[in-house]
Amino acid sequence: MGLEKICRTKPRGAVTPAFLSEKQTAAYLNMSVQWLRKCRANGSGPDWKKFGQAIRYPIADLENYISQSSRKFTGQNVEKADRCANTSRDWKSSSGTKVRF
């Protein structure tokens, strides 16, 4: 899916956005918003910025994250890009009970 389609930018003189929202980033990476949230909580996944209450992902950093995620074989070193996928799905909530994503 092209970036223009995700951002819904108009070709005539519109400025290309520098950041994507959570939903746009999830679509761009073909992942879920929940996966992005889990990665942020773990300190893994693509780099992000916070503007007030808004979470935004810089497009340049997303492209860098994608290039760093490339692997040639399954035993290759796992870096920051893959740590989120290797974490447990069970989390403890603030009340101490387990929550499953």
C-alpha atoms as a PDB file:
ATOM      1  CA  MET A   1       0.000   0.000   0.000  1.00  0.00           C
ATOM      2  CA  GLY A   2       1.460   3.359  -1.001  1.00  0.00           C
ATOM      3  CA  LEU A   3       2.176   6.104   1.488  1.00  0.00           C
ATOM      4  CA  GLU A   4      -0.064   8.531  -0.432  1.00  0.00           C
ATOM      5  CA  LYS A   5      -3.024   6.189  -0.030  1.00  0.00           C
ATOM      6  CA  ILE A   6      -2.416   5.731   3.684  1.00  0.00           C
ATOM      7  CA  CYS A   7      -2.032   9.478   4.312  1.00  0.00           C
ATOM      8  CA  ARG A   8      -4.716  10.451   1.804  1.00  0.00           C
ATOM      9  CA  THR A   9      -2.630  13.362   0.597  1.00  0.00           C
ATOM     10  CA  LYS A  10      -3.654  15.312  -2.464  1.00  0.00           C
ATOM     11  CA  PRO A  11      -1.039  15.524  -5.220  1.00  0.00           C
ATOM     12  CA  ARG A  12      -1.587  19.176  -6.147  1.00  0.00           C
ATOM     13  CA  GLY A  13       0.786  21.187  -3.990  1.00  0.00           C
ATOM     14  CA  ALA A  14       0.093  19.334  -0.754  1.00  0.00           C
ATOM     15  CA  VAL A  15       2.974  18.931   1.655  1.00  0.00           C
ATOM     16  CA  THR A  16       3.988  15.338   2.273  1.00  0.00           C
ATOM     17  CA  PRO A  17       3.451  14.573   5.965  1.00  0.00           C
ATOM     18  CA  ALA A  18       6.520  13.928   8.111  1.00  0.00           C
ATOM     19  CA  PHE A  19       4.615  11.838  10.672  1.00  0.00           C
ATOM     20  CA  LEU A  20       1.975   9.108  10.647  1.00  0.00           C
ATOM     21  CA  SER A  21      -0.670   8.430  13.283  1.00  0.00           C
ATOM     22  CA  GLU A  22      -0.939   5.083  15.065  1.00  0.00           C
ATOM     23  CA  LYS A  23      -3.593   3.854  12.667  1.00  0.00           C
ATOM     24  CA  GLN A  24      -1.671   5.010   9.592  1.00  0.00           C
ATOM     25  CA  THR A  25       1.545   3.422  10.892  1.00  0.00           C
ATOM     26  CA  ALA A  26      -0.220   0.121  11.567  1.00  0.00           C
ATOM     27  CA  ALA A  27      -1.555   0.129   7.996  1.00  0.00           C
ATOM     28  CA  TYR A  28       1.855   1.108   6.582  1.00  0.00           C
ATOM     29  CA  LEU A  29       3.583  -1.782   8.413  1.00  0.00           C
ATOM     30  CA  ASN A  30       0.649  -4.158   7.903  1.00  0.00           C
ATOM     31  CA  MET A  31       0.488  -4.712  11.659  1.00  0.00           C
ATOM     32  CA  SER A  32      -2.146  -3.940  14.280  1.00  0.00           C
ATOM     33  CA  VAL A  33      -2.442  -0.815  16.424  1.00  0.00           C
ATOM     34  CA  GLN A  34      -2.329  -3.135  19.440  1.00  0.00           C
ATOM     35  CA  TRP A  35       1.070  -4.451  18.295  1.00  0.00           C
ATOM     36  CA  LEU A  36       2.395  -0.875  18.089  1.00  0.00           C
ATOM     37  CA  ARG A  37       1.135  -0.155  21.608  1.00  0.00           C
ATOM     38  CA  LYS A  38       2.771  -3.308  22.954  1.00  0.00           C
ATOM     39  CA  CYS A  39       6.051  -2.368  21.284  1.00  0.00           C
ATOM     40  CA  ARG A  40       5.938   1.118  22.823  1.00  0.00           C
ATOM     41  CA  ALA A  41       5.345  -0.410  26.267  1.00  0.00           C
ATOM     42  CA  ASN A  42       8.319  -2.783  25.761  1.00  0.00           C
ATOM     43  CA  GLY A  43      10.627  -0.090  24.406  1.00  0.00           C
ATOM     44  CA  SER A  44      10.903  -1.870  21.081  1.00  0.00           C
ATOM     45  CA  GLY A  45       9.438  -1.422  17.625  1.00  0.00           C
ATOM     46  CA  PRO A  46       9.673   1.732  15.526  1.00  0.00           C
ATOM     47  CA  ASP A  47      10.715   5.037  17.092  1.00  0.00           C
ATOM     48  CA  TRP A  48       7.860   7.393  17.937  1.00  0.00           C
ATOM     49  CA  LYS A  49       7.195  10.911  19.181  1.00  0.00           C
ATOM     50  CA  LYS A  50       4.567  12.311  21.523  1.00  0.00           C
ATOM     51  CA  PHE A  51       2.994  15.713  20.866  1.00  0.00           C
ATOM     52  CA  GLY A  52       0.625  16.435  23.756  1.00  0.00           C
ATOM     53  CA  GLN A  53      -1.629  13.354  23.789  1.00  0.00           C
ATOM     54  CA  ALA A  54      -0.881  12.425  20.169  1.00  0.00           C
ATOM     55  CA  ILE A  55       1.505   9.569  19.311  1.00  0.00           C
ATOM     56  CA  ARG A  56       3.194  10.050  15.938  1.00  0.00           C
ATOM     57  CA  TYR A  57       5.693   7.967  13.990  1.00  0.00           C
ATOM     58  CA  PRO A  58       8.275   9.793  11.824  1.00  0.00           C
ATOM     59  CA  ILE A  59       8.171   8.397   8.280  1.00  0.00           C
ATOM     60  CA  ALA A  60      11.972   8.522   7.981  1.00  0.00           C
ATOM     61  CA  ASP A  61      12.306   6.421  11.155  1.00  0.00           C
ATOM     62  CA  LEU A  62       9.726   3.909   9.861  1.00  0.00           C
ATOM     63  CA  GLU A  63      11.742   3.421   6.681  1.00  0.00           C
ATOM     64  CA  ASN A  64      14.876   2.945   8.800  1.00  0.00           C
ATOM     65  CA  TYR A  65      13.030   0.436  11.038  1.00  0.00           C
ATOM     66  CA  ILE A  66      11.926  -1.535   7.983  1.00  0.00           C
ATOM     67  CA  SER A  67      15.462  -1.681   6.572  1.00  0.00           C
ATOM     68  CA  GLN A  68      16.871  -2.782   9.957  1.00  0.00           C
ATOM     69  CA  SER A  69      14.254  -5.542  10.191  1.00  0.00           C
ATOM     70  CA  SER A  70      15.590  -7.415   7.150  1.00  0.00           C
ATOM     71  CA  ARG A  71      16.968 -10.894   7.840  1.00  0.00           C
ATOM     72  CA  LYS A  72      18.697 -13.373   5.549  1.00  0.00           C
ATOM     73  CA  PHE A  73      18.115 -16.431   7.771  1.00  0.00           C
ATOM     74  CA  THR A  74      16.215 -17.287  10.951  1.00  0.00           C
ATOM     75  CA  GLY A  75      19.289 -17.605  13.193  1.00  0.00           C
ATOM     76  CA  GLN A  76      20.534 -14.100  12.458  1.00  0.00           C
ATOM     77  CA  ASN A  77      21.002 -11.756  15.436  1.00  0.00           C
ATOM     78  CA  VAL A  78      17.723 -10.403  16.783  1.00  0.00           C
ATOM     79  CA  GLU A  79      17.920  -6.659  17.276  1.00  0.00           C
ATOM     80  CA  LYS A  80      15.558  -4.040  18.654  1.00  0.00           C
ATOM     81  CA  ALA A  81      13.242  -4.419  15.659  1.00  0.00           C
ATOM     82  CA  ASP A  82      12.280  -7.986  16.579  1.00  0.00           C
ATOM     83  CA  ARG A  83      12.150  -7.822  20.376  1.00  0.00           C
ATOM     84  CA  CYS A  84       8.471  -6.902  20.442  1.00  0.00           C
ATOM     85  CA  ALA A  85       7.479 -10.061  18.563  1.00  0.00           C
ATOM     86  CA  ASN A  86       9.362 -12.243  21.060  1.00  0.00           C
ATOM     87  CA  THR A  87       7.672 -10.997  24.233  1.00  0.00           C
ATOM     88  CA  SER A  88       4.980 -12.736  26.218  1.00  0.00           C
ATOM     89  CA  ARG A  89       1.377 -11.934  25.422  1.00  0.00           C
ATOM     90  CA  ASP A  90       0.465 -11.966  29.134  1.00  0.00           C
ATOM     91  CA  TRP A  91       0.808  -8.667  30.969  1.00  0.00           C
ATOM     92  CA  LYS A  92      -0.056  -7.719  34.525  1.00  0.00           C
ATOM     93  CA  SER A  93      -2.540  -4.921  34.910  1.00  0.00           C
ATOM     94  CA  SER A  94      -2.232  -2.273  37.629  1.00  0.00           C
ATOM     95  CA  SER A  95      -4.475  -4.442  39.859  1.00  0.00           C
ATOM     96  CA  GLY A  96      -2.049  -7.376  39.538  1.00  0.00           C
ATOM     97  CA  THR A  97      -4.313  -9.565  37.401  1.00  0.00           C
ATOM     98  CA  LYS A  98      -3.046 -10.942  34.124  1.00  0.00           C
ATOM     99  CA  VAL A  99      -4.302  -9.312  30.963  1.00  0.00           C
ATOM    100  CA  ARG A 100      -3.975 -10.989  27.576  1.00  0.00           C
ATOM    101  CA  PHE A 101      -3.564  -8.953  24.390  1.00  0.00           C
END
